[in-house]
Structures are given as structure tokens and as C-alpha cells.
Amino acid sequence: MSTRSNRWLLGLALAGLILESVVSHPALATDKVSLFKVITARDEIIIGINDDQLAQFDSKNAGGVAKHLAAKGTLTAWQYAVRKAEAGALEQAPLRQVGLLSNEALRVEPYTTPLKIVPIPDMTGQ
């Protein structure tokens, strides 16, 4: 093959990879979810808070979440858990909405995961 046709094929393959990436990951900026571990005297759970909700807090970190919880007394968030995706890969996904009480939460800390984080479902249409 000529150098020109090799470049054309490489360009076509690259365009296909970019298109696949955009189509398979259509997450918008508002879909970004930050995970936090909430620790109580009895147990701990992982919660997810999207950027829109997090923007309402004083800061976009665990301290801001804890401060908001202490000031308001309660916080509704999505509990996250590990599940197996359709393709078989593990991912962090919303499990259910939970209500947190400030007198129950002892500590809020950031939670990192190597797994894909599934966005919070849009509940406006329900």
C-alpha cells in the first residue's frame, strides 16, 4: 500500500474511535457524579452527588457536604453500589435514594474508585 492510503486508513480508524467514544460515552457535564463515603456509628455507605447539587454547597468537597448536612440537618442523596454492567464490567451505580440525618453522620470523606461511575438517573420525568 502507498503511504497516502495508509494515512487515509489510519485517519479513518482514528475517526471511528473518536465517534465510538462520543456515542458510547454521551455524558454531559451535568452528569458528573462525585462519590463520598458517609460513616456513622453503625455502618458506612457510599453516596453520589451530581455537580448541580454539589454547586449548592459551600465547597465541592467532603467538607462542603458535611457542612451542608450539619447546617440543613438532612440530605437526600443516591446510595451507590458496585454492580455488573451488561458487558460484564464492574461499575459504581446508583442503588436507591437515601436520606441522611446530621446527628447520625460522624464523618464524610471523598471516595475514589477505579470503576466507571454511572450518572444519577433523571427523576424529572417521573
N, C-alpha and C. Protein backbone atom coordinates (compact mmCIF):
# COMPACT_ATOMS: atom_id res chain seq x y z
N MET A 1 0.83 -1.19 0.00
CA MET A 1 0.00 0.00 0.00
C MET A 1 0.87 1.24 0.00
N SER A 2 0.34 2.29 -0.54
CA SER A 2 1.09 3.54 -0.57
C SER A 2 0.98 4.25 0.78
N THR A 3 1.86 5.18 0.99
CA THR A 3 1.86 5.95 2.24
C THR A 3 0.56 6.75 2.37
N ARG A 4 0.07 7.24 1.24
CA ARG A 4 -1.16 8.04 1.25
C ARG A 4 -2.36 7.19 1.69
N SER A 5 -2.48 5.97 1.18
CA SER A 5 -3.61 5.13 1.57
C SER A 5 -3.46 4.67 3.02
N ASN A 6 -2.22 4.47 3.50
CA ASN A 6 -2.01 4.13 4.91
C ASN A 6 -2.48 5.26 5.81
N ARG A 7 -2.16 6.48 5.44
CA ARG A 7 -2.61 7.65 6.22
C ARG A 7 -4.13 7.75 6.20
N TRP A 8 -4.70 7.50 5.03
CA TRP A 8 -6.16 7.58 4.92
C TRP A 8 -6.83 6.54 5.82
N LEU A 9 -6.31 5.30 5.80
CA LEU A 9 -6.86 4.25 6.66
C LEU A 9 -6.66 4.56 8.14
N LEU A 10 -5.50 5.10 8.49
CA LEU A 10 -5.23 5.48 9.87
C LEU A 10 -6.19 6.59 10.30
N GLY A 11 -6.40 7.56 9.44
CA GLY A 11 -7.33 8.65 9.73
C GLY A 11 -8.75 8.15 9.90
N LEU A 12 -9.15 7.21 9.04
CA LEU A 12 -10.49 6.63 9.12
C LEU A 12 -10.66 5.85 10.43
N ALA A 13 -9.65 5.08 10.79
CA ALA A 13 -9.71 4.31 12.04
C ALA A 13 -9.77 5.24 13.24
N LEU A 14 -8.99 6.32 13.23
CA LEU A 14 -9.00 7.28 14.32
C LEU A 14 -10.36 7.96 14.43
N ALA A 15 -10.92 8.34 13.29
CA ALA A 15 -12.25 8.96 13.30
C ALA A 15 -13.29 7.99 13.87
N GLY A 16 -13.18 6.73 13.53
CA GLY A 16 -14.10 5.73 14.07
C GLY A 16 -13.98 5.59 15.58
N LEU A 17 -12.75 5.61 16.09
CA LEU A 17 -12.54 5.52 17.54
C LEU A 17 -13.12 6.74 18.25
N ILE A 18 -12.91 7.92 17.69
CA ILE A 18 -13.45 9.14 18.30
C ILE A 18 -14.97 9.09 18.29
N LEU A 19 -15.57 8.69 17.17
CA LEU A 19 -17.02 8.60 17.07
C LEU A 19 -17.57 7.59 18.07
N GLU A 20 -16.92 6.44 18.19
CA GLU A 20 -17.36 5.42 19.14
C GLU A 20 -17.29 5.96 20.57
N SER A 21 -16.25 6.71 20.88
CA SER A 21 -16.09 7.28 22.21
C SER A 21 -17.21 8.27 22.51
N VAL A 22 -17.55 9.11 21.55
CA VAL A 22 -18.61 10.09 21.75
C VAL A 22 -19.96 9.41 21.88
N VAL A 23 -20.24 8.42 21.06
CA VAL A 23 -21.52 7.74 21.08
C VAL A 23 -21.68 6.88 22.33
N SER A 24 -20.64 6.17 22.74
CA SER A 24 -20.76 5.28 23.88
C SER A 24 -20.62 5.99 25.21
N HIS A 25 -20.14 7.22 25.23
CA HIS A 25 -20.00 7.99 26.46
C HIS A 25 -20.61 9.37 26.28
N PRO A 26 -21.94 9.45 26.16
CA PRO A 26 -22.57 10.74 25.90
C PRO A 26 -22.75 11.59 27.15
N ALA A 27 -22.00 11.33 28.21
CA ALA A 27 -22.17 12.05 29.46
C ALA A 27 -21.94 13.55 29.27
N LEU A 28 -22.87 14.31 29.79
CA LEU A 28 -22.74 15.75 29.76
C LEU A 28 -22.06 16.20 31.04
N ALA A 29 -21.68 17.46 31.10
CA ALA A 29 -21.00 17.96 32.29
C ALA A 29 -21.89 17.82 33.52
N THR A 30 -23.21 17.94 33.35
CA THR A 30 -24.11 17.83 34.49
C THR A 30 -24.26 16.38 34.96
N ASP A 31 -23.76 15.42 34.19
CA ASP A 31 -23.84 14.02 34.58
C ASP A 31 -22.71 13.61 35.52
N LYS A 32 -21.74 14.49 35.74
CA LYS A 32 -20.60 14.15 36.58
C LYS A 32 -21.07 13.95 38.01
N VAL A 33 -20.64 12.84 38.59
CA VAL A 33 -21.03 12.49 39.95
C VAL A 33 -19.77 12.37 40.80
N SER A 34 -19.81 12.97 41.97
CA SER A 34 -18.74 12.82 42.95
C SER A 34 -19.21 11.85 44.01
N LEU A 35 -18.34 10.92 44.38
CA LEU A 35 -18.69 9.92 45.39
C LEU A 35 -18.09 10.30 46.74
N PHE A 36 -18.87 10.03 47.81
CA PHE A 36 -18.43 10.28 49.16
C PHE A 36 -18.80 9.09 50.03
N LYS A 37 -17.95 8.81 51.01
CA LYS A 37 -18.25 7.77 52.00
C LYS A 37 -18.77 8.49 53.24
N VAL A 38 -19.97 8.09 53.67
CA VAL A 38 -20.55 8.64 54.90
C VAL A 38 -20.44 7.56 55.97
N ILE A 39 -19.79 7.91 57.05
CA ILE A 39 -19.53 6.95 58.12
C ILE A 39 -20.36 7.33 59.33
N THR A 40 -21.10 6.35 59.85
CA THR A 40 -21.91 6.55 61.05
C THR A 40 -21.37 5.62 62.14
N ALA A 41 -21.99 5.66 63.30
CA ALA A 41 -21.58 4.78 64.39
C ALA A 41 -21.84 3.32 64.05
N ARG A 42 -22.85 3.06 63.22
CA ARG A 42 -23.23 1.67 62.91
C ARG A 42 -22.67 1.14 61.61
N ASP A 43 -22.57 1.99 60.59
CA ASP A 43 -22.13 1.49 59.28
C ASP A 43 -21.59 2.63 58.43
N GLU A 44 -21.36 2.32 57.19
CA GLU A 44 -20.92 3.33 56.23
C GLU A 44 -21.56 3.05 54.89
N ILE A 45 -21.84 4.12 54.15
CA ILE A 45 -22.40 3.97 52.81
C ILE A 45 -21.66 4.91 51.87
N ILE A 46 -21.74 4.59 50.59
CA ILE A 46 -21.19 5.44 49.55
C ILE A 46 -22.36 6.19 48.92
N ILE A 47 -22.23 7.51 48.83
CA ILE A 47 -23.28 8.31 48.19
C ILE A 47 -22.68 9.04 46.99
N GLY A 48 -23.56 9.34 46.04
CA GLY A 48 -23.17 10.11 44.87
C GLY A 48 -23.94 11.41 44.83
N ILE A 49 -23.24 12.48 44.54
CA ILE A 49 -23.87 13.80 44.43
C ILE A 49 -23.42 14.39 43.10
N ASN A 50 -24.40 14.82 42.28
CA ASN A 50 -24.03 15.37 40.97
C ASN A 50 -23.55 16.81 41.12
N ASP A 51 -22.91 17.32 40.08
CA ASP A 51 -22.31 18.65 40.12
C ASP A 51 -23.34 19.75 40.37
N ASP A 52 -24.56 19.59 39.85
CA ASP A 52 -25.60 20.60 40.08
C ASP A 52 -25.91 20.73 41.56
N GLN A 53 -26.07 19.61 42.25
CA GLN A 53 -26.36 19.63 43.68
C GLN A 53 -25.13 20.09 44.46
N LEU A 54 -23.97 19.62 44.07
CA LEU A 54 -22.73 19.97 44.77
C LEU A 54 -22.44 21.47 44.66
N ALA A 55 -22.86 22.10 43.57
CA ALA A 55 -22.64 23.53 43.38
C ALA A 55 -23.40 24.37 44.40
N GLN A 56 -24.43 23.79 45.01
CA GLN A 56 -25.22 24.50 46.02
C GLN A 56 -24.53 24.51 47.39
N PHE A 57 -23.48 23.71 47.55
CA PHE A 57 -22.76 23.63 48.81
C PHE A 57 -21.66 24.69 48.84
N ASP A 58 -21.14 24.98 50.05
CA ASP A 58 -20.08 25.99 50.18
C ASP A 58 -18.83 25.61 49.40
N SER A 59 -18.49 24.34 49.41
CA SER A 59 -17.34 23.88 48.62
C SER A 59 -17.69 22.51 48.04
N LYS A 60 -16.99 22.16 46.96
CA LYS A 60 -17.31 20.92 46.24
C LYS A 60 -16.46 19.76 46.72
N ASN A 61 -16.35 19.62 48.04
CA ASN A 61 -15.57 18.52 48.58
C ASN A 61 -16.31 17.94 49.78
N ALA A 62 -15.68 17.00 50.45
CA ALA A 62 -16.32 16.33 51.59
C ALA A 62 -16.66 17.32 52.70
N GLY A 63 -15.82 18.30 52.90
CA GLY A 63 -16.10 19.32 53.91
C GLY A 63 -17.36 20.10 53.60
N GLY A 64 -17.56 20.41 52.33
CA GLY A 64 -18.78 21.12 51.92
C GLY A 64 -20.02 20.28 52.13
N VAL A 65 -19.92 18.98 51.84
CA VAL A 65 -21.05 18.06 52.05
C VAL A 65 -21.36 17.97 53.53
N ALA A 66 -20.33 17.80 54.36
CA ALA A 66 -20.53 17.70 55.81
C ALA A 66 -21.11 18.99 56.38
N LYS A 67 -20.61 20.13 55.92
CA LYS A 67 -21.11 21.43 56.39
C LYS A 67 -22.57 21.62 56.00
N HIS A 68 -22.92 21.25 54.77
CA HIS A 68 -24.31 21.35 54.31
C HIS A 68 -25.22 20.44 55.13
N LEU A 69 -24.78 19.23 55.39
CA LEU A 69 -25.55 18.29 56.19
C LEU A 69 -25.76 18.81 57.61
N ALA A 70 -24.73 19.37 58.20
CA ALA A 70 -24.84 19.91 59.56
C ALA A 70 -25.76 21.13 59.60
N ALA A 71 -25.67 21.99 58.59
CA ALA A 71 -26.49 23.21 58.56
C ALA A 71 -27.96 22.91 58.30
N LYS A 72 -28.24 22.00 57.37
CA LYS A 72 -29.62 21.69 57.00
C LYS A 72 -30.24 20.61 57.87
N GLY A 73 -29.41 19.75 58.47
CA GLY A 73 -29.91 18.67 59.31
C GLY A 73 -30.18 17.38 58.56
N THR A 74 -30.47 17.50 57.26
CA THR A 74 -30.73 16.32 56.43
C THR A 74 -30.16 16.54 55.03
N LEU A 75 -29.98 15.45 54.34
CA LEU A 75 -29.51 15.50 52.96
C LEU A 75 -30.05 14.27 52.24
N THR A 76 -30.66 14.48 51.09
CA THR A 76 -31.10 13.37 50.25
C THR A 76 -30.05 13.17 49.17
N ALA A 77 -29.61 11.93 49.03
CA ALA A 77 -28.57 11.60 48.04
C ALA A 77 -28.83 10.21 47.51
N TRP A 78 -28.10 9.84 46.48
CA TRP A 78 -28.19 8.49 45.92
C TRP A 78 -27.13 7.61 46.56
N GLN A 79 -27.53 6.48 47.09
CA GLN A 79 -26.57 5.48 47.57
C GLN A 79 -26.02 4.76 46.35
N TYR A 80 -24.71 4.57 46.32
CA TYR A 80 -24.04 3.89 45.21
C TYR A 80 -23.52 2.53 45.66
N ALA A 81 -23.52 1.59 44.74
CA ALA A 81 -23.01 0.25 45.00
C ALA A 81 -22.38 -0.29 43.73
N VAL A 82 -21.55 -1.30 43.87
CA VAL A 82 -20.92 -1.94 42.72
C VAL A 82 -21.92 -2.90 42.09
N ARG A 83 -22.00 -2.86 40.78
CA ARG A 83 -22.83 -3.81 40.04
C ARG A 83 -22.09 -4.22 38.78
N LYS A 84 -22.61 -5.25 38.14
CA LYS A 84 -22.03 -5.72 36.88
C LYS A 84 -22.83 -5.11 35.73
N ALA A 85 -22.14 -4.45 34.82
CA ALA A 85 -22.78 -3.84 33.64
C ALA A 85 -23.17 -4.94 32.66
N GLU A 86 -23.94 -4.57 31.65
CA GLU A 86 -24.38 -5.53 30.64
C GLU A 86 -23.20 -6.22 29.95
N ALA A 87 -22.13 -5.48 29.74
CA ALA A 87 -20.95 -6.06 29.08
C ALA A 87 -20.12 -6.91 30.03
N GLY A 88 -20.48 -6.93 31.30
CA GLY A 88 -19.77 -7.76 32.27
C GLY A 88 -18.78 -7.02 33.15
N ALA A 89 -18.48 -5.76 32.82
CA ALA A 89 -17.54 -4.98 33.62
C ALA A 89 -18.22 -4.48 34.89
N LEU A 90 -17.44 -4.32 35.94
CA LEU A 90 -17.98 -3.77 37.18
C LEU A 90 -18.06 -2.26 37.07
N GLU A 91 -19.07 -1.67 37.72
CA GLU A 91 -19.25 -0.23 37.73
C GLU A 91 -19.90 0.20 39.03
N GLN A 92 -19.69 1.46 39.40
CA GLN A 92 -20.37 2.05 40.55
C GLN A 92 -21.67 2.65 40.03
N ALA A 93 -22.81 2.23 40.59
CA ALA A 93 -24.10 2.67 40.06
C ALA A 93 -25.04 3.07 41.19
N PRO A 94 -25.97 3.98 40.89
CA PRO A 94 -26.96 4.37 41.89
C PRO A 94 -27.82 3.16 42.28
N LEU A 95 -28.03 2.98 43.57
CA LEU A 95 -28.82 1.88 44.08
C LEU A 95 -30.21 2.36 44.49
N ARG A 96 -30.24 3.38 45.32
CA ARG A 96 -31.52 3.94 45.80
C ARG A 96 -31.24 5.30 46.42
N GLN A 97 -32.30 6.11 46.51
CA GLN A 97 -32.16 7.39 47.19
C GLN A 97 -32.24 7.14 48.69
N VAL A 98 -31.40 7.85 49.44
CA VAL A 98 -31.39 7.73 50.89
C VAL A 98 -31.44 9.12 51.51
N GLY A 99 -31.97 9.18 52.71
CA GLY A 99 -31.96 10.41 53.49
C GLY A 99 -30.95 10.28 54.60
N LEU A 100 -30.09 11.27 54.72
CA LEU A 100 -29.09 11.27 55.77
C LEU A 100 -29.47 12.29 56.83
N LEU A 101 -29.25 11.94 58.09
CA LEU A 101 -29.51 12.84 59.21
C LEU A 101 -28.18 13.30 59.78
N SER A 102 -28.07 14.57 60.07
CA SER A 102 -26.79 15.09 60.54
C SER A 102 -26.35 14.48 61.86
N ASN A 103 -27.30 14.11 62.74
CA ASN A 103 -26.90 13.55 64.03
C ASN A 103 -26.43 12.10 63.90
N GLU A 104 -26.64 11.45 62.76
CA GLU A 104 -26.18 10.08 62.52
C GLU A 104 -24.80 10.04 61.87
N ALA A 105 -24.50 11.03 61.05
CA ALA A 105 -23.24 11.03 60.30
C ALA A 105 -22.09 11.51 61.18
N LEU A 106 -21.07 10.69 61.31
CA LEU A 106 -19.89 11.06 62.08
C LEU A 106 -18.81 11.68 61.21
N ARG A 107 -18.74 11.21 59.96
CA ARG A 107 -17.68 11.68 59.08
C ARG A 107 -18.10 11.52 57.62
N VAL A 108 -17.68 12.47 56.80
CA VAL A 108 -17.86 12.40 55.35
C VAL A 108 -16.48 12.53 54.74
N GLU A 109 -16.14 11.59 53.85
CA GLU A 109 -14.84 11.65 53.20
C GLU A 109 -14.98 11.34 51.72
N PRO A 110 -14.07 11.87 50.90
CA PRO A 110 -14.15 11.57 49.46
C PRO A 110 -13.93 10.07 49.24
N TYR A 111 -14.55 9.56 48.19
CA TYR A 111 -14.43 8.15 47.87
C TYR A 111 -13.98 8.04 46.42
N THR A 112 -12.87 7.36 46.21
CA THR A 112 -12.38 7.16 44.85
C THR A 112 -12.53 5.70 44.46
N THR A 113 -12.73 5.50 43.18
CA THR A 113 -12.91 4.15 42.65
C THR A 113 -12.30 4.07 41.27
N PRO A 114 -11.70 2.93 40.93
CA PRO A 114 -11.20 2.76 39.57
C PRO A 114 -12.31 2.39 38.59
N LEU A 115 -13.52 2.14 39.11
CA LEU A 115 -14.63 1.71 38.28
C LEU A 115 -15.31 2.90 37.61
N LYS A 116 -16.01 2.62 36.54
CA LYS A 116 -16.83 3.63 35.87
C LYS A 116 -17.95 4.03 36.83
N ILE A 117 -18.24 5.32 36.91
CA ILE A 117 -19.32 5.82 37.75
C ILE A 117 -20.52 6.13 36.86
N VAL A 118 -21.63 5.45 37.13
CA VAL A 118 -22.86 5.64 36.36
C VAL A 118 -23.55 6.91 36.85
N PRO A 119 -24.00 7.77 35.92
CA PRO A 119 -24.68 9.00 36.34
C PRO A 119 -25.97 8.72 37.12
N ILE A 120 -26.36 9.71 37.91
CA ILE A 120 -27.61 9.65 38.66
C ILE A 120 -28.77 9.71 37.67
N PRO A 121 -29.79 8.86 37.85
CA PRO A 121 -30.92 8.89 36.92
C PRO A 121 -31.69 10.21 36.99
N ASP A 122 -32.21 10.61 35.85
CA ASP A 122 -33.02 11.83 35.77
C ASP A 122 -34.40 11.52 36.32
N MET A 123 -34.77 12.14 37.41
CA MET A 123 -36.05 11.86 38.05
C MET A 123 -37.11 12.90 37.69
N THR A 124 -36.80 13.86 36.80
CA THR A 124 -37.76 14.91 36.48
C THR A 124 -38.94 14.41 35.68
N GLY A 125 -38.76 13.33 34.93
CA GLY A 125 -39.83 12.81 34.09
C GLY A 125 -40.79 11.89 34.82
N GLN A 126 -40.58 11.65 36.11
CA GLN A 126 -41.44 10.71 36.83
C GLN A 126 -42.45 11.42 37.68
